C-alpha cells in the first residue's frame, strides 16, 4: 500500500492573527476553520494548510475532548512549497515584492524548473516552484 496524496500539511507560527492575515490576504487562501489561540486552517487546492500555535498543540487533550488529537508540534522555522507554473511564478514574485516581501532566492533547478523562496511573518520558508523540479506535471 502507498498513500495517494498529502491531505494536510502543518506549519507552526508565532502569531496566529498575523499568519491568518498573511495566508488569507497576501496568498489569497480560503480560511476554513479557526480557533482563537490554537489554530487557523486554509484550503489550498485539494490540500489543507494547518497553522498552529505550537504551545497550544503540545498539550494533551482533555479527557473529555470531542476530538482527542494527540499532542504534536515543532519549534523553529519550517518549509512549505506551493506548486505554480512558470507564468504564475513571475506573477507571484511581482505580487510578493509589491507587498514588501523579500524574495530570498530565485533560480532554475539543474534538471529544469524554477523556484522562488520567501518567508512568512513567523520566519517559515515558503516556496513557489514548478512541479517539474520533482518530475511531476
Protein backbone atom coordinates (compact mmCIF):
# COMPACT_ATOMS: atom_id res chain seq x y z
CA UNK A 1 0.00 0.00 0.00
CA UNK A 2 1.06 3.57 -0.64
CA UNK A 3 -0.60 6.91 0.22
CA UNK A 4 -2.08 8.66 -2.82
CA UNK A 5 -1.51 12.26 -1.73
CA UNK A 6 -0.79 14.55 1.19
CA UNK A 7 -4.11 15.70 2.60
CA UNK A 8 -2.80 18.29 5.04
CA UNK A 9 0.44 19.99 5.97
CA UNK A 10 1.19 21.93 9.14
CA UNK A 11 3.34 24.92 9.98
CA UNK A 12 3.79 26.38 13.43
CA UNK A 13 3.51 30.15 13.80
CA UNK A 14 4.32 32.67 16.50
CA UNK A 15 1.35 34.97 15.84
CA UNK A 16 -1.90 33.40 14.62
CA UNK A 17 -3.56 36.71 13.71
CA UNK A 18 -0.59 37.83 11.60
CA UNK A 19 -0.38 34.38 9.98
CA UNK A 20 -4.10 34.48 9.20
CA UNK A 21 -3.70 37.87 7.53
CA UNK A 22 -0.66 36.77 5.53
CA UNK A 23 -2.02 33.45 4.27
CA UNK A 24 -5.52 34.81 3.73
CA UNK A 25 -4.81 38.22 2.27
CA UNK A 26 -1.31 38.03 0.80
CA UNK A 27 -1.52 34.46 -0.52
CA UNK A 28 -5.30 34.50 -1.06
CA UNK A 29 -6.04 31.18 0.63
CA UNK A 30 -9.57 30.44 1.81
CA UNK A 31 -9.87 30.16 5.60
CA UNK A 32 -11.93 27.12 6.56
CA UNK A 33 -11.51 26.92 10.35
CA UNK A 34 -10.21 28.97 13.24
CA UNK A 35 -9.96 28.51 16.98
CA UNK A 36 -8.61 31.57 18.77
CA UNK A 37 -5.24 30.92 20.38
CA UNK A 38 -4.87 27.47 18.84
CA UNK A 39 -5.07 27.29 15.04
CA UNK A 40 -6.24 28.63 11.71
CA UNK A 41 -6.77 26.33 8.71
CA UNK A 42 -6.79 27.17 4.99
CA UNK A 43 -7.80 25.33 1.84
CA UNK A 44 -5.08 25.15 -0.82
CA UNK A 45 -6.32 23.27 -3.88
CA UNK A 46 -7.06 19.70 -2.77
CA UNK A 47 -4.89 20.11 0.35
CA UNK A 48 -5.41 21.82 3.70
CA UNK A 49 -2.76 24.03 5.29
CA UNK A 50 -2.85 23.90 9.10
CA UNK A 51 -1.27 26.77 11.03
CA UNK A 52 -0.85 26.08 14.74
CA UNK A 53 0.33 27.88 17.83
CA UNK A 54 2.98 25.33 18.90
CA UNK A 55 2.35 25.84 22.64
CA UNK A 56 -1.36 25.07 22.25
CA UNK A 57 -0.84 21.82 20.33
CA UNK A 58 1.94 20.49 22.56
CA UNK A 59 -0.53 19.78 25.37
CA UNK A 60 -2.51 16.55 25.69
CA UNK A 61 -6.23 16.91 25.00
CA UNK A 62 -8.67 16.93 27.91
CA UNK A 63 -10.00 13.51 28.89
CA UNK A 64 -13.46 14.51 27.62
CA UNK A 65 -12.24 16.16 24.40
CA UNK A 66 -14.64 15.83 21.48
CA UNK A 67 -11.65 15.36 19.12
CA UNK A 68 -8.80 13.75 21.06
CA UNK A 69 -5.97 14.71 18.69
CA UNK A 70 -2.63 13.66 20.22
CA UNK A 71 -0.09 16.36 21.11
CA UNK A 72 2.15 17.48 18.26
CA UNK A 73 4.20 20.42 17.20
CA UNK A 74 7.52 21.83 16.23
CA UNK A 75 9.66 24.78 17.14
CA UNK A 76 11.62 26.85 14.69
CA UNK A 77 11.25 27.53 11.02
CA UNK A 78 9.51 25.04 8.76
CA UNK A 79 9.24 24.84 4.99
CA UNK A 80 6.33 24.53 2.58
CA UNK A 81 6.34 24.63 -1.22
CA UNK A 82 3.35 25.70 -3.32
CA UNK A 83 3.04 24.41 -6.89
CA UNK A 84 2.99 27.06 -9.60
CA UNK A 85 3.54 27.30 -13.34
CA UNK A 86 6.44 29.36 -14.72
CA UNK A 87 4.00 32.14 -15.60
CA UNK A 88 2.44 32.06 -12.13
CA UNK A 89 5.87 32.32 -10.52
CA UNK A 90 6.52 35.54 -12.45
CA UNK A 91 3.22 36.95 -11.17
CA UNK A 92 3.76 35.70 -7.60
CA UNK A 93 7.20 37.29 -7.47
CA UNK A 94 5.81 40.66 -8.56
CA UNK A 95 2.87 40.36 -6.13
CA UNK A 96 5.10 39.49 -3.18
CA UNK A 97 7.64 42.22 -3.93
CA UNK A 98 4.83 44.78 -4.33
CA UNK A 99 3.69 43.75 -0.83
CA UNK A 100 7.16 44.35 0.60
CA UNK A 101 8.00 40.65 0.91
CA UNK A 102 11.63 39.90 0.11
CA UNK A 103 12.47 37.12 -2.33
CA UNK A 104 15.36 35.20 -0.74
CA UNK A 105 16.19 33.09 -3.78
CA UNK A 106 15.06 32.83 -7.38
CA UNK A 107 16.67 30.19 -9.55
CA UNK A 108 16.33 27.47 -12.16
CA UNK A 109 16.95 23.92 -10.95
CA UNK A 110 19.65 21.93 -12.83
CA UNK A 111 17.05 19.43 -14.06
CA UNK A 112 14.63 22.19 -15.11
CA UNK A 113 12.02 24.24 -13.33
CA UNK A 114 12.09 27.47 -11.36
CA UNK A 115 11.65 28.22 -7.66
CA UNK A 116 11.29 31.38 -5.62
CA UNK A 117 11.72 31.42 -1.84
CA UNK A 118 10.38 33.90 0.72
CA UNK A 119 9.35 33.97 4.41
CA UNK A 120 6.05 34.20 6.22
CA UNK A 121 5.75 36.53 9.25
CA UNK A 122 6.87 33.70 11.60
CA UNK A 123 10.01 33.02 9.56
CA UNK A 124 8.81 29.84 7.87
CA UNK A 125 10.47 29.29 4.50
CA UNK A 126 7.91 29.30 1.69
CA UNK A 127 8.48 28.45 -1.94
CA UNK A 128 6.65 28.60 -5.23
CA UNK A 129 8.04 26.02 -7.64
CA UNK A 130 7.21 24.32 -10.87
CA UNK A 131 6.20 20.70 -10.18
CA UNK A 132 8.67 19.57 -12.82
CA UNK A 133 11.53 20.13 -10.35
CA UNK A 134 10.36 16.77 -8.97
CA UNK A 135 9.48 15.25 -12.33
CA UNK A 136 5.77 15.98 -11.81
CA UNK A 137 3.39 17.67 -14.18
